[in-house]
Amino acid sequence: MSWLAIETGGTKIVARIVAAGGMVMASGRWPTTTPEAALTGLVAFARSLDVSDDPLVAVGISAFGPILIDAAHPEYGKMLATAKPGWTGSNLRAELAETLNILVAVDTDVNAAATAERELAAGQGCTSVAYVTIGTGIGAGLATATGTLRGALHPEIGHLRIVRRRGDIMPSTCPFHDDCAEGLAAGPAVAQRLGTGETLIAREDVRDLTAGYIAQLLVAIVLAWSPHRIVIGGGIGRAPSMLAAIRSAFAEAVRGYGIGPAATAADFIRPAMLEDAGLDGALLIARGLVPARLKDFA
């Protein structure tokens, strides 16, 4: 057997075909242009190998959103209103399933990353893991022993409102909210606060302000989801000294409230360990569609 893992992003699409035993049979990468081009490229990629000895049995997609991830919905996999031109209303999952005549499942990129980090890396041994990416935008997913957090849609944690620090009058970079986490602490907001050529290492004031806003978001996640661990990814989240600043701000934001032993452990907030967590998660999604054991891919 073999599986096809796909991660769709705002700028690129990556894919990997993996056979039993974990051998990577092929890898592909394309710019994200139109859903039609994505379908054409992925179908050609899937059909490019002689898989007679390891037939392709399922596809897993780790997708940007907003997207319908309720498998019971008649339009499962449909992309909702998005700023990515041409993608609103598209359904790559359904098109791949029909064209390849194969099982195809989809989840959000952050849910997939949370699954991969929980099963394979920074969240191993934890019953529940929240993955928070802080980059161009802010998103979060939750993976547990029984699956990922899904509802009528999926969490949009980055748009939770946070309390502005007194004196912070910078306009939000979110077009919808004046004071959401994404608008005040994601990459565009950080870039707006920094001068030309400046970095977060040189501007501790910007780093600490951003860390404080992120810490507020993490406290909200703890109060709402109560994960056993939070894993931080994304360019801003992995910036030098940022994790230490976030941990310090988180401890201050909790203010002694009883959030339990897991969230007060020294390693509760950890950096992501996987370079391709979304793609690794997509593989786990595909593998979950057919009987298989994770240890086969060790």
Protein backbone atom coordinates (compact mmCIF):
# COMPACT_ATOMS: atom_id res chain seq x y z
CA MET A 1 0.00 0.00 0.00
CA SER A 2 0.98 3.64 -0.43
CA TRP A 3 -0.54 6.92 0.64
CA LEU A 4 -0.61 10.42 -0.83
CA ALA A 5 -0.17 13.35 1.57
CA ILE A 6 -0.95 16.89 0.40
CA GLU A 7 -0.58 20.25 2.10
CA THR A 8 -2.17 23.29 0.48
CA GLY A 9 -0.86 26.67 1.53
CA GLY A 10 -1.39 30.25 0.52
CA THR A 11 1.80 30.32 -1.57
CA LYS A 12 2.68 26.68 -2.25
CA ILE A 13 1.31 23.16 -2.44
CA VAL A 14 3.48 20.23 -1.38
CA ALA A 15 2.83 16.52 -1.74
CA ARG A 16 4.46 13.24 -0.88
CA ILE A 17 3.74 9.61 -1.74
CA VAL A 18 4.79 7.21 1.02
CA ALA A 19 4.84 3.44 0.89
CA ALA A 20 4.55 0.89 3.68
CA GLY A 21 7.59 1.03 5.93
CA GLY A 22 7.78 4.81 5.55
CA MET A 23 9.74 4.95 2.28
CA VAL A 24 9.12 8.22 0.45
CA MET A 25 8.46 7.26 -3.16
CA ALA A 26 8.06 10.77 -4.55
CA SER A 27 7.82 14.40 -3.48
CA GLY A 28 6.34 17.37 -5.31
CA ARG A 29 6.01 21.12 -4.88
CA TRP A 30 4.01 23.67 -6.88
CA PRO A 31 3.03 27.33 -6.44
CA THR A 32 -0.53 27.87 -5.31
CA THR A 33 -2.29 29.41 -8.30
CA THR A 34 -5.77 28.11 -9.10
CA PRO A 35 -7.68 25.05 -7.85
CA GLU A 36 -7.82 23.78 -11.43
CA ALA A 37 -4.04 23.90 -11.72
CA ALA A 38 -3.70 22.25 -8.31
CA LEU A 39 -5.97 19.39 -9.37
CA THR A 40 -4.14 18.88 -12.66
CA GLY A 41 -0.73 18.88 -10.99
CA LEU A 42 -1.73 16.56 -8.16
CA VAL A 43 -3.48 14.05 -10.41
CA ALA A 44 -0.44 13.92 -12.68
CA PHE A 45 1.79 13.51 -9.65
CA ALA A 46 -0.35 10.69 -8.25
CA ARG A 47 -0.28 8.90 -11.59
CA SER A 48 3.42 9.46 -12.27
CA LEU A 49 4.63 6.38 -10.42
CA ASP A 50 4.29 2.70 -11.11
CA VAL A 51 2.56 1.72 -7.88
CA SER A 52 1.52 -1.78 -8.90
CA ASP A 53 3.51 -3.19 -5.99
CA ASP A 54 2.36 -0.46 -3.60
CA PRO A 55 -1.06 0.70 -4.85
CA LEU A 56 -2.28 4.12 -3.75
CA VAL A 57 -5.08 3.52 -1.26
CA ALA A 58 -5.92 6.90 0.26
CA VAL A 59 -5.19 10.63 0.21
CA GLY A 60 -4.93 13.03 3.14
CA ILE A 61 -5.10 16.80 2.71
CA SER A 62 -3.88 19.42 5.16
CA ALA A 63 -5.59 22.58 3.93
CA PHE A 64 -5.69 26.30 4.41
CA GLY A 65 -9.15 27.62 5.13
CA PRO A 66 -11.83 28.47 5.80
CA ILE A 67 -12.99 25.04 4.66
CA LEU A 68 -15.76 22.57 5.48
CA ILE A 69 -14.09 19.72 7.36
CA ASP A 70 -17.26 17.99 8.60
CA ALA A 71 -17.12 14.62 6.81
CA ALA A 72 -20.90 14.27 7.17
CA HIS A 73 -21.58 17.50 5.27
CA PRO A 74 -22.69 17.02 1.65
CA GLU A 75 -20.09 19.59 0.56
CA TYR A 76 -17.26 18.17 2.68
CA GLY A 77 -14.01 19.80 1.61
CA LYS A 78 -15.57 22.91 0.06
CA MET A 79 -13.53 26.09 0.40
CA LEU A 80 -15.53 28.95 1.86
CA ALA A 81 -14.98 32.68 1.25
CA THR A 82 -11.24 33.21 1.09
CA ALA A 83 -8.94 36.00 -0.01
CA LYS A 84 -7.09 33.53 -2.26
CA PRO A 85 -8.35 34.40 -5.79
CA GLY A 86 -10.35 31.65 -7.44
CA TRP A 87 -10.47 29.29 -4.49
CA THR A 88 -13.82 30.29 -2.96
CA GLY A 89 -16.33 27.51 -3.63
CA SER A 90 -13.70 25.05 -4.90
CA ASN A 91 -13.52 21.50 -3.56
CA LEU A 92 -10.15 19.88 -4.19
CA ARG A 93 -11.02 16.95 -1.92
CA ALA A 94 -14.11 15.98 -3.92
CA GLU A 95 -12.38 16.49 -7.27
CA LEU A 96 -9.44 14.28 -6.28
CA ALA A 97 -11.74 11.58 -4.91
CA GLU A 98 -13.73 11.51 -8.16
CA THR A 99 -10.77 11.72 -10.53
CA LEU A 100 -8.56 9.19 -8.76
CA ASN A 101 -11.47 7.03 -7.56
CA ILE A 102 -9.93 6.89 -4.11
CA LEU A 103 -10.66 7.78 -0.48
CA VAL A 104 -9.73 11.40 0.29
CA ALA A 105 -9.98 13.11 3.67
CA VAL A 106 -9.22 16.71 4.63
CA ASP A 107 -8.51 18.65 7.80
CA THR A 108 -7.14 22.11 8.53
CA ASP A 109 -3.40 22.64 8.32
CA VAL A 110 -3.22 23.43 12.05
CA ASN A 111 -5.26 20.38 13.05
CA ALA A 112 -3.00 18.24 10.87
CA ALA A 113 0.10 19.79 12.42
CA ALA A 114 -1.30 19.23 15.91
CA THR A 115 -1.89 15.58 15.03
CA ALA A 116 1.63 15.12 13.72
CA GLU A 117 3.29 16.83 16.68
CA ARG A 118 1.17 14.78 19.09
CA GLU A 119 1.89 11.46 17.42
CA LEU A 120 5.48 11.96 16.35
CA ALA A 121 7.26 14.85 18.02
CA ALA A 122 6.83 17.65 20.60
CA GLY A 123 3.51 16.36 21.90
CA GLN A 124 4.34 12.67 22.24
CA GLY A 125 2.91 11.15 25.38
CA CYS A 126 0.25 13.85 25.75
CA THR A 127 -3.45 13.06 25.54
CA SER A 128 -4.24 16.43 23.94
CA VAL A 129 -2.02 18.89 22.10
CA ALA A 130 -2.82 22.39 20.86
CA TYR A 131 -0.70 23.53 17.93
CA VAL A 132 -0.47 27.30 17.48
CA THR A 133 1.14 28.78 14.39
CA ILE A 134 2.23 32.42 14.51
CA GLY A 135 3.37 33.62 11.12
CA THR A 136 1.63 35.61 8.41
CA GLY A 137 -1.55 34.78 10.32
CA ILE A 138 -2.37 33.03 13.58
CA GLY A 139 -4.19 29.74 13.76
CA ALA A 140 -4.58 26.86 16.18
CA GLY A 141 -5.69 23.26 16.10
CA LEU A 142 -6.32 20.67 18.78
CA ALA A 143 -5.48 16.98 18.49
CA THR A 144 -6.62 14.41 21.05
CA ALA A 145 -6.62 10.65 21.39
CA THR A 146 -9.97 10.53 19.58
CA GLY A 147 -9.22 12.97 16.75
CA THR A 148 -9.12 16.71 16.09
CA LEU A 149 -11.44 19.47 17.22
CA ARG A 150 -14.13 20.05 14.60
CA GLY A 151 -17.45 21.78 14.78
CA ALA A 152 -19.84 23.32 12.31
CA LEU A 153 -16.65 24.81 10.82
CA HIS A 154 -13.30 24.84 12.60
CA PRO A 155 -11.69 27.05 15.26
CA GLU A 156 -10.49 30.49 14.18
CA ILE A 157 -8.46 31.14 17.29
CA GLY A 158 -6.39 33.90 15.71
CA HIS A 159 -9.42 36.18 15.70
CA LEU A 160 -10.11 35.99 19.42
CA ARG A 161 -10.13 39.47 20.92
CA ILE A 162 -7.31 40.40 23.29
CA VAL A 163 -6.73 43.39 25.57
CA ARG A 164 -4.49 46.03 24.06
CA ARG A 165 -1.62 47.25 26.19
CA ARG A 166 -2.18 50.82 27.31
CA GLY A 167 -0.54 53.19 24.84
CA ASP A 168 -0.53 50.73 21.93
CA ILE A 169 -2.27 52.72 19.22
CA MET A 170 -0.93 50.86 16.18
CA PRO A 171 -3.76 50.05 13.74
CA SER A 172 -4.67 46.38 13.59
CA THR A 173 -3.51 44.58 10.45
CA CYS A 174 -6.69 42.48 10.48
CA PRO A 175 -9.31 43.91 8.12
CA PHE A 176 -12.13 42.61 10.35
CA HIS A 177 -11.08 43.33 13.95
CA ASP A 178 -9.32 46.18 15.72
CA ASP A 179 -8.01 44.05 18.56
CA CYS A 180 -7.73 40.38 17.64
CA ALA A 181 -4.56 38.37 18.21
CA GLU A 182 -3.81 38.09 14.50
CA GLY A 183 -4.20 41.80 13.91
CA LEU A 184 -1.87 42.71 16.76
CA ALA A 185 0.70 39.91 16.93
CA ALA A 186 1.04 38.08 13.59
CA GLY A 187 3.84 38.73 11.10
CA PRO A 188 2.33 41.78 9.39
CA ALA A 189 1.68 43.43 12.76
CA VAL A 190 5.23 42.75 13.92
CA ALA A 191 6.62 44.11 10.64
CA GLN A 192 4.51 47.24 11.09
CA ARG A 193 5.99 47.79 14.53
CA LEU A 194 9.60 47.29 13.42
CA GLY A 195 11.61 49.84 11.52
CA THR A 196 13.38 49.09 8.26
CA GLY A 197 16.01 46.42 8.83
CA GLU A 198 15.10 45.94 12.49
CA THR A 199 14.64 42.52 14.10
CA LEU A 200 12.90 41.26 17.20
CA ILE A 201 16.30 40.61 18.78
CA ALA A 202 17.18 44.29 18.51
CA ARG A 203 13.72 45.51 19.49
CA GLU A 204 12.98 43.84 22.82
CA ASP A 205 10.07 46.22 23.35
CA VAL A 206 8.32 44.87 20.23
CA ARG A 207 9.21 41.29 21.14
CA ASP A 208 7.82 41.64 24.66
CA LEU A 209 4.67 43.40 23.49
CA THR A 210 4.05 40.67 20.90
CA ALA A 211 4.80 37.94 23.44
CA GLY A 212 2.32 39.49 25.84
CA TYR A 213 -0.44 39.42 23.23
CA ILE A 214 0.38 35.83 22.29
CA ALA A 215 0.35 34.88 25.98
CA GLN A 216 -3.18 36.26 26.29
CA LEU A 217 -4.21 34.03 23.41
CA LEU A 218 -2.57 30.99 25.00
CA VAL A 219 -4.38 31.62 28.27
CA ALA A 220 -7.67 31.72 26.34
CA ILE A 221 -6.76 28.40 24.70
CA VAL A 222 -6.01 26.86 28.09
CA LEU A 223 -9.28 28.09 29.56
CA ALA A 224 -11.31 26.90 26.54
CA TRP A 225 -9.54 23.68 25.51
CA SER A 226 -7.38 22.69 28.53
CA PRO A 227 -4.70 20.95 26.44
CA HIS A 228 -1.94 18.90 28.02
CA ARG A 229 0.64 20.78 25.92
CA ILE A 230 0.87 23.76 23.58
CA VAL A 231 3.24 23.53 20.62
CA ILE A 232 4.31 26.76 18.92
CA GLY A 233 5.16 26.97 15.21
CA GLY A 234 5.42 29.64 12.53
CA GLY A 235 8.06 32.23 11.77
CA ILE A 236 7.19 34.63 14.60
CA GLY A 237 6.73 31.79 17.07
CA ARG A 238 10.20 30.43 16.28
CA ALA A 239 11.99 33.78 16.28
CA PRO A 240 15.05 33.85 18.57
CA SER A 241 14.19 34.48 22.25
CA MET A 242 10.47 34.67 21.44
CA LEU A 243 9.57 31.38 23.13
CA ALA A 244 11.19 32.42 26.40
CA ALA A 245 9.35 35.75 26.24
CA ILE A 246 6.05 33.97 25.58
CA ARG A 247 6.57 31.59 28.50
CA SER A 248 7.36 34.47 30.84
CA ALA A 249 4.35 36.50 29.66
CA PHE A 250 2.11 33.43 29.95
CA ALA A 251 3.10 32.90 33.59
CA GLU A 252 2.38 36.55 34.29
CA ALA A 253 -0.96 36.45 32.45
CA VAL A 254 -2.17 33.43 34.44
CA ARG A 255 -1.66 35.42 37.67
CA GLY A 256 -1.81 32.37 39.87
CA TYR A 257 -5.22 31.20 38.67
CA GLY A 258 -5.74 27.45 39.10
CA ILE A 259 -5.22 26.17 35.56
CA GLY A 260 -3.93 22.78 36.67
CA PRO A 261 -0.55 21.02 36.82
CA ALA A 262 -0.21 20.41 33.06
CA ALA A 263 -0.36 24.09 32.13
CA THR A 264 2.06 25.11 34.88
CA ALA A 265 4.71 22.54 33.95
CA ALA A 266 8.02 23.94 32.71
CA ASP A 267 7.63 22.27 29.31
CA PHE A 268 3.95 23.04 28.78
CA ILE A 269 4.74 25.49 25.96
CA ARG A 270 7.18 23.89 23.53
CA PRO A 271 8.52 24.72 20.06
CA ALA A 272 7.38 22.64 17.11
CA MET A 273 9.85 19.90 16.21
CA LEU A 274 8.68 18.86 12.74
CA GLU A 275 9.80 20.80 9.69
CA ASP A 276 6.76 19.63 7.70
CA ALA A 277 4.16 19.11 10.42
CA GLY A 278 1.23 19.85 8.09
CA LEU A 279 2.41 17.34 5.50
CA ASP A 280 3.23 14.76 8.17
CA GLY A 281 -0.27 15.28 9.53
CA ALA A 282 -1.76 14.82 6.07
CA LEU A 283 -0.04 11.44 5.86
CA LEU A 284 -1.55 10.44 9.19
CA ILE A 285 -4.96 11.55 7.91
CA ALA A 286 -4.55 9.34 4.84
CA ARG A 287 -3.37 6.41 6.90
CA GLY A 288 -6.38 6.76 9.16
CA LEU A 289 -8.68 5.96 6.24
CA VAL A 290 -7.46 2.35 6.06
CA PRO A 291 -6.36 -0.13 8.73
CA ALA A 292 -2.72 0.56 9.53
CA ARG A 293 -0.37 0.92 12.48
CA LEU A 294 1.74 3.99 13.17
CA LYS A 295 4.68 1.82 14.26
CA ASP A 296 5.00 0.61 10.64
CA PHE A 297 6.25 4.11 9.83
CA ALA A 298 8.77 4.38 12.62
